[in-house]
Amino acid sequence: IKGAALKDVETGNILPLRNMLNIVRFKAEKIPPLGYKTYIPVDTIADNSSDLRIDRNQHILENTLLKIRVDPGQGCISSIVDKKSGRELVKQDSKYGFGGYMYERFTKEIAAGYTDDYVKSGFEWALYELGKPNLSDADYRRVQRQPMRISYQEDPFKASIILYAEKEDASGHDYSLIIGLYQDQSFVEITW
């Protein structure tokens, strides 16, 4: 898209846009149900003011509705506060951490017990369909990893904290956790 902003053809409002690697993002408003709106590129400068804030020292994402604190040491969200009510939305004494990564490696016995509990007919096919027929005799283990790196992304529409963890022998997975907060929205986007 060529142009610094988009113009709503119906209202004439100029909307900021973000074009990164040919992925265009903008906030479309008041689209009718099962309908559409038309926007055209313009060279006018749009108002890019945003209520989003990132505190890189405290690992906080904030808009007018929510304040989110991330714990990079535990690889989870440690706090989400509804700014209207002041209510904390994350259980503070959880041993797992909200939105964090957990890898569990079950034993043959646990997997077979699960299949037996949920398949009442006793057919052998269930082990191969629902169970884990090729599990080794290794013991149960649970791994909760700590991210190695942290980065931040911000534009007029969304602010994100990204946690990265690298493969460990115990779990065998690289992973990233992206915590995103949008302008004027009361939800948190969590992507693993």
C-alpha atoms as a PDB file:
ATOM      1  CA  ILE A   1       0.000   0.000   0.000  1.00  0.00           C
ATOM      2  CA  LYS A   2       1.323   3.366  -0.968  1.00  0.00           C
ATOM      3  CA  GLY A   3       0.376   6.164   1.341  1.00  0.00           C
ATOM      4  CA  ALA A   4       1.015   7.227   4.896  1.00  0.00           C
ATOM      5  CA  ALA A   5      -2.547   6.635   6.102  1.00  0.00           C
ATOM      6  CA  LEU A   6      -5.975   5.395   5.063  1.00  0.00           C
ATOM      7  CA  LYS A   7      -9.099   7.446   4.479  1.00  0.00           C
ATOM      8  CA  ASP A   8     -12.522   6.060   5.368  1.00  0.00           C
ATOM      9  CA  VAL A   9     -14.489   6.807   2.188  1.00  0.00           C
ATOM     10  CA  GLU A  10     -17.808   7.045   4.057  1.00  0.00           C
ATOM     11  CA  THR A  11     -16.777   9.352   6.918  1.00  0.00           C
ATOM     12  CA  GLY A  12     -13.651  11.015   5.559  1.00  0.00           C
ATOM     13  CA  ASN A  13     -11.733  10.105   8.739  1.00  0.00           C
ATOM     14  CA  ILE A  14      -7.997   9.631   8.316  1.00  0.00           C
ATOM     15  CA  LEU A  15      -6.682   6.476  10.031  1.00  0.00           C
ATOM     16  CA  PRO A  16      -3.079   5.650  10.867  1.00  0.00           C
ATOM     17  CA  LEU A  17      -1.715   2.476   9.409  1.00  0.00           C
ATOM     18  CA  ARG A  18       1.299   0.297   9.926  1.00  0.00           C
ATOM     19  CA  ASN A  19       2.895  -1.436   6.977  1.00  0.00           C
ATOM     20  CA  MET A  20       5.634  -3.817   8.071  1.00  0.00           C
ATOM     21  CA  LEU A  21       6.991  -6.342   5.575  1.00  0.00           C
ATOM     22  CA  ASN A  22       3.898  -5.763   3.426  1.00  0.00           C
ATOM     23  CA  ILE A  23       1.535  -6.650   6.288  1.00  0.00           C
ATOM     24  CA  VAL A  24      -0.835  -3.741   6.773  1.00  0.00           C
ATOM     25  CA  ARG A  25      -2.521  -3.108  10.101  1.00  0.00           C
ATOM     26  CA  PHE A  26      -5.098  -0.444  10.921  1.00  0.00           C
ATOM     27  CA  LYS A  27      -8.135  -0.134  13.150  1.00  0.00           C
ATOM     28  CA  ALA A  28     -11.381  -0.381  11.198  1.00  0.00           C
ATOM     29  CA  GLU A  29     -14.411   0.851  13.139  1.00  0.00           C
ATOM     30  CA  LYS A  30     -18.162   0.488  12.781  1.00  0.00           C
ATOM     31  CA  ILE A  31     -18.163  -2.163  10.081  1.00  0.00           C
ATOM     32  CA  PRO A  32     -21.766  -3.303   9.551  1.00  0.00           C
ATOM     33  CA  PRO A  33     -22.625  -6.962  10.274  1.00  0.00           C
ATOM     34  CA  LEU A  34     -21.827  -9.097   7.217  1.00  0.00           C
ATOM     35  CA  GLY A  35     -20.785  -5.896   5.497  1.00  0.00           C
ATOM     36  CA  TYR A  36     -17.697  -3.964   4.548  1.00  0.00           C
ATOM     37  CA  LYS A  37     -16.166  -0.503   4.503  1.00  0.00           C
ATOM     38  CA  THR A  38     -13.939   1.068   1.900  1.00  0.00           C
ATOM     39  CA  TYR A  39     -10.622   2.734   2.695  1.00  0.00           C
ATOM     40  CA  ILE A  40      -8.246   4.420   0.281  1.00  0.00           C
ATOM     41  CA  PRO A  41      -4.541   5.200   0.771  1.00  0.00           C
ATOM     42  CA  VAL A  42      -3.691   8.865   1.260  1.00  0.00           C
ATOM     43  CA  ASP A  43      -0.457  10.764   1.829  1.00  0.00           C
ATOM     44  CA  THR A  44      -1.917  12.759   4.713  1.00  0.00           C
ATOM     45  CA  ILE A  45      -0.280  12.301   8.092  1.00  0.00           C
ATOM     46  CA  ALA A  46      -2.665  10.610  10.532  1.00  0.00           C
ATOM     47  CA  ASP A  47      -2.855  11.113  14.272  1.00  0.00           C
ATOM     48  CA  ASN A  48      -0.672   8.292  15.638  1.00  0.00           C
ATOM     49  CA  SER A  49      -1.317   9.051  19.294  1.00  0.00           C
ATOM     50  CA  SER A  50      -1.916   5.954  21.357  1.00  0.00           C
ATOM     51  CA  ASP A  51      -2.809   5.054  24.912  1.00  0.00           C
ATOM     52  CA  LEU A  52      -0.358   2.129  24.820  1.00  0.00           C
ATOM     53  CA  ARG A  53       2.713   2.237  27.043  1.00  0.00           C
ATOM     54  CA  ILE A  54       5.643  -0.146  27.519  1.00  0.00           C
ATOM     55  CA  ASP A  55       7.920   0.059  30.549  1.00  0.00           C
ATOM     56  CA  ARG A  56      10.984  -1.935  29.487  1.00  0.00           C
ATOM     57  CA  ASN A  57      12.586  -1.806  32.943  1.00  0.00           C
ATOM     58  CA  GLN A  58       9.537  -3.174  34.791  1.00  0.00           C
ATOM     59  CA  HIS A  59       8.289  -5.351  31.865  1.00  0.00           C
ATOM     60  CA  ILE A  60       4.857  -3.681  31.851  1.00  0.00           C
ATOM     61  CA  LEU A  61       2.308  -3.263  29.049  1.00  0.00           C
ATOM     62  CA  GLU A  62      -0.442  -0.742  29.674  1.00  0.00           C
ATOM     63  CA  ASN A  63      -3.423   0.888  28.008  1.00  0.00           C
ATOM     64  CA  THR A  64      -6.329   2.856  29.498  1.00  0.00           C
ATOM     65  CA  LEU A  65      -8.088  -0.368  30.577  1.00  0.00           C
ATOM     66  CA  LEU A  66      -5.403  -2.895  31.604  1.00  0.00           C
ATOM     67  CA  LYS A  67      -1.964  -3.001  33.178  1.00  0.00           C
ATOM     68  CA  ILE A  68       0.027  -6.192  32.523  1.00  0.00           C
ATOM     69  CA  ARG A  69       3.265  -7.141  34.255  1.00  0.00           C
ATOM     70  CA  VAL A  70       5.432  -9.920  32.802  1.00  0.00           C
ATOM     71  CA  ASP A  71       7.936 -11.968  34.816  1.00  0.00           C
ATOM     72  CA  PRO A  72      10.714 -12.903  32.364  1.00  0.00           C
ATOM     73  CA  GLY A  73      12.436 -15.017  35.030  1.00  0.00           C
ATOM     74  CA  GLN A  74       9.427 -17.335  35.310  1.00  0.00           C
ATOM     75  CA  GLY A  75       8.298 -16.915  31.708  1.00  0.00           C
ATOM     76  CA  CYS A  76       4.741 -15.870  32.560  1.00  0.00           C
ATOM     77  CA  ILE A  77       2.336 -13.013  33.190  1.00  0.00           C
ATOM     78  CA  SER A  78       2.635 -12.103  36.858  1.00  0.00           C
ATOM     79  CA  SER A  79      -0.146  -9.525  36.971  1.00  0.00           C
ATOM     80  CA  ILE A  80      -3.113  -8.198  34.998  1.00  0.00           C
ATOM     81  CA  VAL A  81      -4.938  -5.335  36.680  1.00  0.00           C
ATOM     82  CA  ASP A  82      -8.323  -4.073  35.480  1.00  0.00           C
ATOM     83  CA  LYS A  83      -7.699  -0.335  35.812  1.00  0.00           C
ATOM     84  CA  LYS A  84     -11.407   0.496  36.110  1.00  0.00           C
ATOM     85  CA  SER A  85     -12.058  -1.697  39.129  1.00  0.00           C
ATOM     86  CA  GLY A  86      -8.494  -2.080  40.417  1.00  0.00           C
ATOM     87  CA  ARG A  87      -9.033  -5.850  40.501  1.00  0.00           C
ATOM     88  CA  GLU A  88      -6.076  -8.218  40.082  1.00  0.00           C
ATOM     89  CA  LEU A  89      -6.983 -10.874  37.484  1.00  0.00           C
ATOM     90  CA  VAL A  90      -4.026 -13.248  37.939  1.00  0.00           C
ATOM     91  CA  LYS A  91      -3.871 -15.708  40.842  1.00  0.00           C
ATOM     92  CA  GLN A  92      -0.803 -14.510  42.695  1.00  0.00           C
ATOM     93  CA  ASP A  93       0.012 -17.742  44.559  1.00  0.00           C
ATOM     94  CA  SER A  94      -0.142 -20.111  41.559  1.00  0.00           C
ATOM     95  CA  LYS A  95       2.860 -22.403  41.256  1.00  0.00           C
ATOM     96  CA  TYR A  96       2.530 -22.517  37.457  1.00  0.00           C
ATOM     97  CA  GLY A  97       2.358 -18.875  36.384  1.00  0.00           C
ATOM     98  CA  PHE A  98      -0.359 -17.468  34.148  1.00  0.00           C
ATOM     99  CA  GLY A  99       0.267 -18.058  30.446  1.00  0.00           C
ATOM    100  CA  GLY A 100       3.598 -19.753  31.091  1.00  0.00           C
ATOM    101  CA  TYR A 101       5.005 -22.761  29.306  1.00  0.00           C
ATOM    102  CA  MET A 102       4.867 -26.183  30.930  1.00  0.00           C
ATOM    103  CA  TYR A 103       6.028 -29.423  29.340  1.00  0.00           C
ATOM    104  CA  GLU A 104       4.876 -32.718  30.836  1.00  0.00           C
ATOM    105  CA  ARG A 105       6.271 -36.123  29.864  1.00  0.00           C
ATOM    106  CA  PHE A 106       3.890 -38.845  31.093  1.00  0.00           C
ATOM    107  CA  THR A 107       4.732 -42.464  31.907  1.00  0.00           C
ATOM    108  CA  LYS A 108       3.265 -45.430  30.019  1.00  0.00           C
ATOM    109  CA  GLU A 109       1.180 -46.209  33.095  1.00  0.00           C
ATOM    110  CA  ILE A 110      -0.364 -42.717  33.304  1.00  0.00           C
ATOM    111  CA  ALA A 111      -1.152 -42.670  29.551  1.00  0.00           C
ATOM    112  CA  ALA A 112      -2.714 -46.152  29.656  1.00  0.00           C
ATOM    113  CA  GLY A 113      -4.747 -45.156  32.740  1.00  0.00           C
ATOM    114  CA  TYR A 114      -6.096 -42.118  30.883  1.00  0.00           C
ATOM    115  CA  THR A 115      -7.189 -44.310  27.969  1.00  0.00           C
ATOM    116  CA  ASP A 116      -8.793 -46.852  30.313  1.00  0.00           C
ATOM    117  CA  ASP A 117     -10.690 -44.115  32.169  1.00  0.00           C
ATOM    118  CA  TYR A 118     -12.166 -42.525  29.052  1.00  0.00           C
ATOM    119  CA  VAL A 119     -12.785 -45.489  26.769  1.00  0.00           C
ATOM    120  CA  LYS A 120     -15.441 -47.664  28.377  1.00  0.00           C
ATOM    121  CA  SER A 121     -15.690 -50.313  25.654  1.00  0.00           C
ATOM    122  CA  GLY A 122     -12.171 -51.680  26.233  1.00  0.00           C
ATOM    123  CA  PHE A 123     -11.209 -51.829  22.567  1.00  0.00           C
ATOM    124  CA  GLU A 124      -7.502 -52.048  21.809  1.00  0.00           C
ATOM    125  CA  TRP A 125      -7.805 -49.377  19.088  1.00  0.00           C
ATOM    126  CA  ALA A 126      -8.198 -46.729  21.784  1.00  0.00           C
ATOM    127  CA  LEU A 127      -4.587 -47.011  22.898  1.00  0.00           C
ATOM    128  CA  TYR A 128      -3.413 -46.092  19.379  1.00  0.00           C
ATOM    129  CA  GLU A 129      -6.073 -43.416  18.787  1.00  0.00           C
ATOM    130  CA  LEU A 130      -6.095 -41.690  22.189  1.00  0.00           C
ATOM    131  CA  GLY A 131      -3.108 -43.032  24.063  1.00  0.00           C
ATOM    132  CA  LYS A 132       0.619 -42.972  23.566  1.00  0.00           C
ATOM    133  CA  PRO A 133       1.569 -46.505  22.446  1.00  0.00           C
ATOM    134  CA  ASN A 134       5.275 -45.816  21.845  1.00  0.00           C
ATOM    135  CA  LEU A 135       6.187 -44.203  25.161  1.00  0.00           C
ATOM    136  CA  SER A 136       9.431 -45.304  26.696  1.00  0.00           C
ATOM    137  CA  ASP A 137       9.678 -46.467  30.300  1.00  0.00           C
ATOM    138  CA  ALA A 138      11.018 -43.068  31.373  1.00  0.00           C
ATOM    139  CA  ASP A 139       9.717 -41.481  34.565  1.00  0.00           C
ATOM    140  CA  TYR A 140       7.148 -38.668  34.605  1.00  0.00           C
ATOM    141  CA  ARG A 141       8.668 -35.212  34.451  1.00  0.00           C
ATOM    142  CA  ARG A 142       7.438 -31.653  34.277  1.00  0.00           C
ATOM    143  CA  VAL A 143       9.546 -28.795  33.000  1.00  0.00           C
ATOM    144  CA  GLN A 144       8.771 -25.111  33.410  1.00  0.00           C
ATOM    145  CA  ARG A 145      11.461 -23.144  31.675  1.00  0.00           C
ATOM    146  CA  GLN A 146      12.771 -19.676  32.031  1.00  0.00           C
ATOM    147  CA  PRO A 147      13.040 -17.495  28.923  1.00  0.00           C
ATOM    148  CA  MET A 148      16.523 -16.646  27.749  1.00  0.00           C
ATOM    149  CA  ARG A 149      15.734 -13.406  25.944  1.00  0.00           C
ATOM    150  CA  ILE A 150      13.099 -10.678  25.970  1.00  0.00           C
ATOM    151  CA  SER A 151      12.140  -8.156  23.324  1.00  0.00           C
ATOM    152  CA  TYR A 152       9.462  -5.521  22.821  1.00  0.00           C
ATOM    153  CA  GLN A 153       7.354  -4.395  19.872  1.00  0.00           C
ATOM    154  CA  GLU A 154       5.191  -1.315  19.700  1.00  0.00           C
ATOM    155  CA  ASP A 155       3.102   0.502  17.129  1.00  0.00           C
ATOM    156  CA  PRO A 156       0.001   2.736  17.414  1.00  0.00           C
ATOM    157  CA  PHE A 157      -2.290  -0.313  17.629  1.00  0.00           C
ATOM    158  CA  LYS A 158      -0.498  -2.977  19.655  1.00  0.00           C
ATOM    159  CA  ALA A 159       2.274  -3.316  22.211  1.00  0.00           C
ATOM    160  CA  SER A 160       3.924  -6.679  22.850  1.00  0.00           C
ATOM    161  CA  ILE A 161       6.467  -8.313  25.108  1.00  0.00           C
ATOM    162  CA  ILE A 162       8.097 -11.374  23.562  1.00  0.00           C
ATOM    163  CA  LEU A 163       9.838 -14.001  25.679  1.00  0.00           C
ATOM    164  CA  TYR A 164      12.153 -16.525  23.974  1.00  0.00           C
ATOM    165  CA  ALA A 165      13.435 -19.804  25.416  1.00  0.00           C
ATOM    166  CA  GLU A 166      15.847 -22.168  23.767  1.00  0.00           C
ATOM    167  CA  LYS A 167      15.788 -25.945  23.673  1.00  0.00           C
ATOM    168  CA  GLU A 168      16.747 -27.846  26.801  1.00  0.00           C
ATOM    169  CA  ASP A 169      17.431 -31.578  26.854  1.00  0.00           C
ATOM    170  CA  ALA A 170      14.570 -32.139  29.315  1.00  0.00           C
ATOM    171  CA  SER A 171      11.845 -30.840  27.008  1.00  0.00           C
ATOM    172  CA  GLY A 172      13.283 -30.674  23.530  1.00  0.00           C
ATOM    173  CA  HIS A 173      11.359 -27.567  22.451  1.00  0.00           C
ATOM    174  CA  ASP A 174      12.244 -24.013  21.554  1.00  0.00           C
ATOM    175  CA  TYR A 175       9.352 -21.693  22.212  1.00  0.00           C
ATOM    176  CA  SER A 176       8.303 -18.089  22.376  1.00  0.00           C
ATOM    177  CA  LEU A 177       5.560 -16.457  24.379  1.00  0.00           C
ATOM    178  CA  ILE A 178       4.059 -13.253  22.968  1.00  0.00           C
ATOM    179  CA  ILE A 179       1.914 -11.128  25.258  1.00  0.00           C
ATOM    180  CA  GLY A 180       0.068  -8.456  23.291  1.00  0.00           C
ATOM    181  CA  LEU A 181      -2.165  -5.571  24.322  1.00  0.00           C
ATOM    182  CA  TYR A 182      -4.189  -3.482  21.874  1.00  0.00           C
ATOM    183  CA  GLN A 183      -5.135   0.180  22.076  1.00  0.00           C
ATOM    184  CA  ASP A 184      -8.474   0.757  23.849  1.00  0.00           C
ATOM    185  CA  GLN A 185      -9.165  -2.987  24.218  1.00  0.00           C
ATOM    186  CA  SER A 186      -9.841  -4.930  27.416  1.00  0.00           C
ATOM    187  CA  PHE A 187      -8.301  -8.244  26.385  1.00  0.00           C
ATOM    188  CA  VAL A 188      -4.821  -9.741  26.351  1.00  0.00           C
ATOM    189  CA  GLU A 189      -3.536 -11.668  23.345  1.00  0.00           C
ATOM    190  CA  ILE A 190      -1.313 -14.601  24.333  1.00  0.00           C
ATOM    191  CA  THR A 191       0.502 -16.542  21.618  1.00  0.00           C
ATOM    192  CA  TRP A 192       2.824 -19.483  22.226  1.00  0.00           C
END
